[in-house]
Amino acid sequence: MAQLRDAHRIEIEPVAGRVRAQVGDEVLADSTDVLVLREGKLPERYYFPLADVRTELLTPSDAHTHCPFKGEASYYDYGDQSEFAWYYPEPIADVEAIRGHVAFYNDRVALVVDE
């Protein structure tokens, strides 16, 4: 497994500035403590601290998936859109920084980055 992780590089770093995730005029998350996760050829993902996410607008989902590089993901639904956002309650040690953070699919929200 270590060899597989070495071939599948994940980088996590703080974003300078403020990031918002919104749908239309509705802001779902707004933070100056966002982490950006880069994983191989996948799109960059912005992870918002849970305290800066409007969880009252989201519904916990029964869906779960497993990523061998990050751990077991849990999901939130938004309106009629299932699995709209996700988080890792117990991420693996290599990506511990994303514990307590929520990410949104880039094609479902407008991500506004003010650096």
C-alpha atoms as a PDB file:
ATOM      1  CA  MET A   1       0.000   0.000   0.000  1.00  0.00           C
ATOM      2  CA  ALA A   2       2.874   2.424   0.742  1.00  0.00           C
ATOM      3  CA  GLN A   3       4.098   2.063  -2.844  1.00  0.00           C
ATOM      4  CA  LEU A   4       0.595   2.835  -4.119  1.00  0.00           C
ATOM      5  CA  ARG A   5       0.421   5.977  -1.923  1.00  0.00           C
ATOM      6  CA  ASP A   6       3.821   7.107  -3.204  1.00  0.00           C
ATOM      7  CA  ALA A   7       2.557   6.853  -6.792  1.00  0.00           C
ATOM      8  CA  HIS A   8      -0.649   8.725  -5.884  1.00  0.00           C
ATOM      9  CA  ARG A   9       0.571  12.037  -4.520  1.00  0.00           C
ATOM     10  CA  ILE A  10      -1.739  14.205  -2.424  1.00  0.00           C
ATOM     11  CA  GLU A  11      -0.813  17.755  -1.457  1.00  0.00           C
ATOM     12  CA  ILE A  12      -2.761  19.867   1.028  1.00  0.00           C
ATOM     13  CA  GLU A  13      -2.050  23.517   1.699  1.00  0.00           C
ATOM     14  CA  PRO A  14      -3.877  26.538   3.070  1.00  0.00           C
ATOM     15  CA  VAL A  15      -5.474  28.963   0.644  1.00  0.00           C
ATOM     16  CA  ALA A  16      -4.368  32.569   1.000  1.00  0.00           C
ATOM     17  CA  GLY A  17      -7.441  34.753   1.304  1.00  0.00           C
ATOM     18  CA  ARG A  18     -11.144  34.092   1.478  1.00  0.00           C
ATOM     19  CA  VAL A  19     -13.126  31.375  -0.315  1.00  0.00           C
ATOM     20  CA  ARG A  20     -16.898  31.091  -0.693  1.00  0.00           C
ATOM     21  CA  ALA A  21     -19.006  28.235  -2.018  1.00  0.00           C
ATOM     22  CA  GLN A  22     -22.412  29.282  -3.259  1.00  0.00           C
ATOM     23  CA  VAL A  23     -25.383  28.177  -5.300  1.00  0.00           C
ATOM     24  CA  GLY A  24     -26.981  31.183  -6.938  1.00  0.00           C
ATOM     25  CA  ASP A  25     -27.169  33.832  -4.213  1.00  0.00           C
ATOM     26  CA  GLU A  26     -27.111  31.292  -1.381  1.00  0.00           C
ATOM     27  CA  VAL A  27     -23.723  31.074   0.354  1.00  0.00           C
ATOM     28  CA  LEU A  28     -23.098  27.566   1.692  1.00  0.00           C
ATOM     29  CA  ALA A  29     -19.613  28.201   3.056  1.00  0.00           C
ATOM     30  CA  ASP A  30     -17.446  31.261   3.614  1.00  0.00           C
ATOM     31  CA  SER A  31     -13.999  31.044   5.180  1.00  0.00           C
ATOM     32  CA  THR A  32     -10.471  32.409   5.404  1.00  0.00           C
ATOM     33  CA  ASP A  33      -9.213  29.012   6.678  1.00  0.00           C
ATOM     34  CA  VAL A  34      -9.768  26.859   3.583  1.00  0.00           C
ATOM     35  CA  LEU A  35      -7.434  24.057   2.545  1.00  0.00           C
ATOM     36  CA  VAL A  36      -6.858  23.120  -1.087  1.00  0.00           C
ATOM     37  CA  LEU A  37      -6.248  19.440  -1.804  1.00  0.00           C
ATOM     38  CA  ARG A  38      -4.476  18.415  -4.995  1.00  0.00           C
ATOM     39  CA  GLU A  39      -4.676  14.742  -5.864  1.00  0.00           C
ATOM     40  CA  GLY A  40      -3.080  13.392  -9.016  1.00  0.00           C
ATOM     41  CA  LYS A  41      -5.038  14.439 -12.103  1.00  0.00           C
ATOM     42  CA  LEU A  42      -8.255  15.123 -10.185  1.00  0.00           C
ATOM     43  CA  PRO A  43      -9.603  18.673  -9.909  1.00  0.00           C
ATOM     44  CA  GLU A  44      -8.433  20.750  -6.961  1.00  0.00           C
ATOM     45  CA  ARG A  45     -10.832  20.446  -4.043  1.00  0.00           C
ATOM     46  CA  TYR A  46     -11.420  23.153  -1.476  1.00  0.00           C
ATOM     47  CA  TYR A  47     -12.015  21.929   2.075  1.00  0.00           C
ATOM     48  CA  PHE A  48     -13.886  24.348   4.343  1.00  0.00           C
ATOM     49  CA  PRO A  49     -13.756  24.140   8.143  1.00  0.00           C
ATOM     50  CA  LEU A  50     -17.054  22.711   9.359  1.00  0.00           C
ATOM     51  CA  ALA A  51     -17.593  25.802  11.539  1.00  0.00           C
ATOM     52  CA  ASP A  52     -17.674  27.935   8.358  1.00  0.00           C
ATOM     53  CA  VAL A  53     -20.196  25.735   6.510  1.00  0.00           C
ATOM     54  CA  ARG A  54     -23.928  26.449   6.763  1.00  0.00           C
ATOM     55  CA  THR A  55     -24.813  22.892   7.711  1.00  0.00           C
ATOM     56  CA  GLU A  56     -28.411  23.950   8.412  1.00  0.00           C
ATOM     57  CA  LEU A  57     -28.795  24.096   4.619  1.00  0.00           C
ATOM     58  CA  LEU A  58     -27.396  20.568   4.188  1.00  0.00           C
ATOM     59  CA  THR A  59     -28.880  17.196   5.083  1.00  0.00           C
ATOM     60  CA  PRO A  60     -26.671  14.325   6.264  1.00  0.00           C
ATOM     61  CA  SER A  61     -26.781  11.503   3.733  1.00  0.00           C
ATOM     62  CA  ASP A  62     -26.722   7.763   4.324  1.00  0.00           C
ATOM     63  CA  ALA A  63     -24.128   7.477   1.542  1.00  0.00           C
ATOM     64  CA  HIS A  64     -20.536   6.510   2.290  1.00  0.00           C
ATOM     65  CA  THR A  65     -17.613   5.731   0.022  1.00  0.00           C
ATOM     66  CA  HIS A  66     -14.093   4.537   0.651  1.00  0.00           C
ATOM     67  CA  CYS A  67     -10.950   6.114  -0.758  1.00  0.00           C
ATOM     68  CA  PRO A  68      -7.736   4.165  -0.162  1.00  0.00           C
ATOM     69  CA  PHE A  69      -5.843   7.477   0.021  1.00  0.00           C
ATOM     70  CA  LYS A  70      -8.121   9.472   2.323  1.00  0.00           C
ATOM     71  CA  GLY A  71     -10.407   7.039   4.165  1.00  0.00           C
ATOM     72  CA  GLU A  72     -14.170   6.663   4.549  1.00  0.00           C
ATOM     73  CA  ALA A  73     -16.189   9.620   3.220  1.00  0.00           C
ATOM     74  CA  SER A  74     -19.577  10.691   4.502  1.00  0.00           C
ATOM     75  CA  TYR A  75     -21.882  12.959   2.503  1.00  0.00           C
ATOM     76  CA  TYR A  76     -24.352  15.814   2.727  1.00  0.00           C
ATOM     77  CA  ASP A  77     -27.300  16.363   0.405  1.00  0.00           C
ATOM     78  CA  TYR A  78     -28.506  19.812  -0.626  1.00  0.00           C
ATOM     79  CA  GLY A  79     -32.133  20.242  -1.627  1.00  0.00           C
ATOM     80  CA  ASP A  80     -32.887  17.491  -4.129  1.00  0.00           C
ATOM     81  CA  GLN A  81     -29.196  16.956  -4.957  1.00  0.00           C
ATOM     82  CA  SER A  82     -27.775  13.902  -3.243  1.00  0.00           C
ATOM     83  CA  GLU A  83     -24.119  13.523  -2.272  1.00  0.00           C
ATOM     84  CA  PHE A  84     -23.588  17.261  -2.774  1.00  0.00           C
ATOM     85  CA  ALA A  85     -20.695  17.675  -0.336  1.00  0.00           C
ATOM     86  CA  TRP A  86     -18.467  15.285   1.595  1.00  0.00           C
ATOM     87  CA  TYR A  87     -16.139  15.011   4.547  1.00  0.00           C
ATOM     88  CA  TYR A  88     -13.828  12.459   6.133  1.00  0.00           C
ATOM     89  CA  PRO A  89     -14.750  11.957   9.821  1.00  0.00           C
ATOM     90  CA  GLU A  90     -11.655   9.789  10.368  1.00  0.00           C
ATOM     91  CA  PRO A  91      -9.187  10.525   7.535  1.00  0.00           C
ATOM     92  CA  ILE A  92      -6.062   8.424   7.252  1.00  0.00           C
ATOM     93  CA  ALA A  93      -2.920   9.857   8.863  1.00  0.00           C
ATOM     94  CA  ASP A  94      -1.456  11.141   5.576  1.00  0.00           C
ATOM     95  CA  VAL A  95      -4.364  13.580   5.133  1.00  0.00           C
ATOM     96  CA  GLU A  96      -5.215  14.304   8.775  1.00  0.00           C
ATOM     97  CA  ALA A  97      -5.396  18.028   7.928  1.00  0.00           C
ATOM     98  CA  ILE A  98      -8.819  17.587   6.281  1.00  0.00           C
ATOM     99  CA  ARG A  99     -10.427  16.269   9.480  1.00  0.00           C
ATOM    100  CA  GLY A 100     -13.299  18.587  10.399  1.00  0.00           C
ATOM    101  CA  HIS A 101     -13.499  20.017   6.847  1.00  0.00           C
ATOM    102  CA  VAL A 102     -16.171  19.778   4.146  1.00  0.00           C
ATOM    103  CA  ALA A 103     -15.654  19.803   0.363  1.00  0.00           C
ATOM    104  CA  PHE A 104     -18.157  20.541  -2.410  1.00  0.00           C
ATOM    105  CA  TYR A 105     -18.171  19.267  -5.978  1.00  0.00           C
ATOM    106  CA  ASN A 106     -16.725  22.043  -8.131  1.00  0.00           C
ATOM    107  CA  ASP A 107     -19.451  21.672 -10.756  1.00  0.00           C
ATOM    108  CA  ARG A 108     -22.263  22.049  -8.206  1.00  0.00           C
ATOM    109  CA  VAL A 109     -21.176  25.270  -6.520  1.00  0.00           C
ATOM    110  CA  ALA A 110     -19.569  28.518  -7.583  1.00  0.00           C
ATOM    111  CA  LEU A 111     -16.239  28.786  -5.813  1.00  0.00           C
ATOM    112  CA  VAL A 112     -15.193  32.389  -5.304  1.00  0.00           C
ATOM    113  CA  VAL A 113     -11.568  32.849  -4.244  1.00  0.00           C
ATOM    114  CA  ASP A 114     -10.517  36.310  -3.059  1.00  0.00           C
ATOM    115  CA  GLU A 115      -6.764  36.273  -2.587  1.00  0.00           C
END
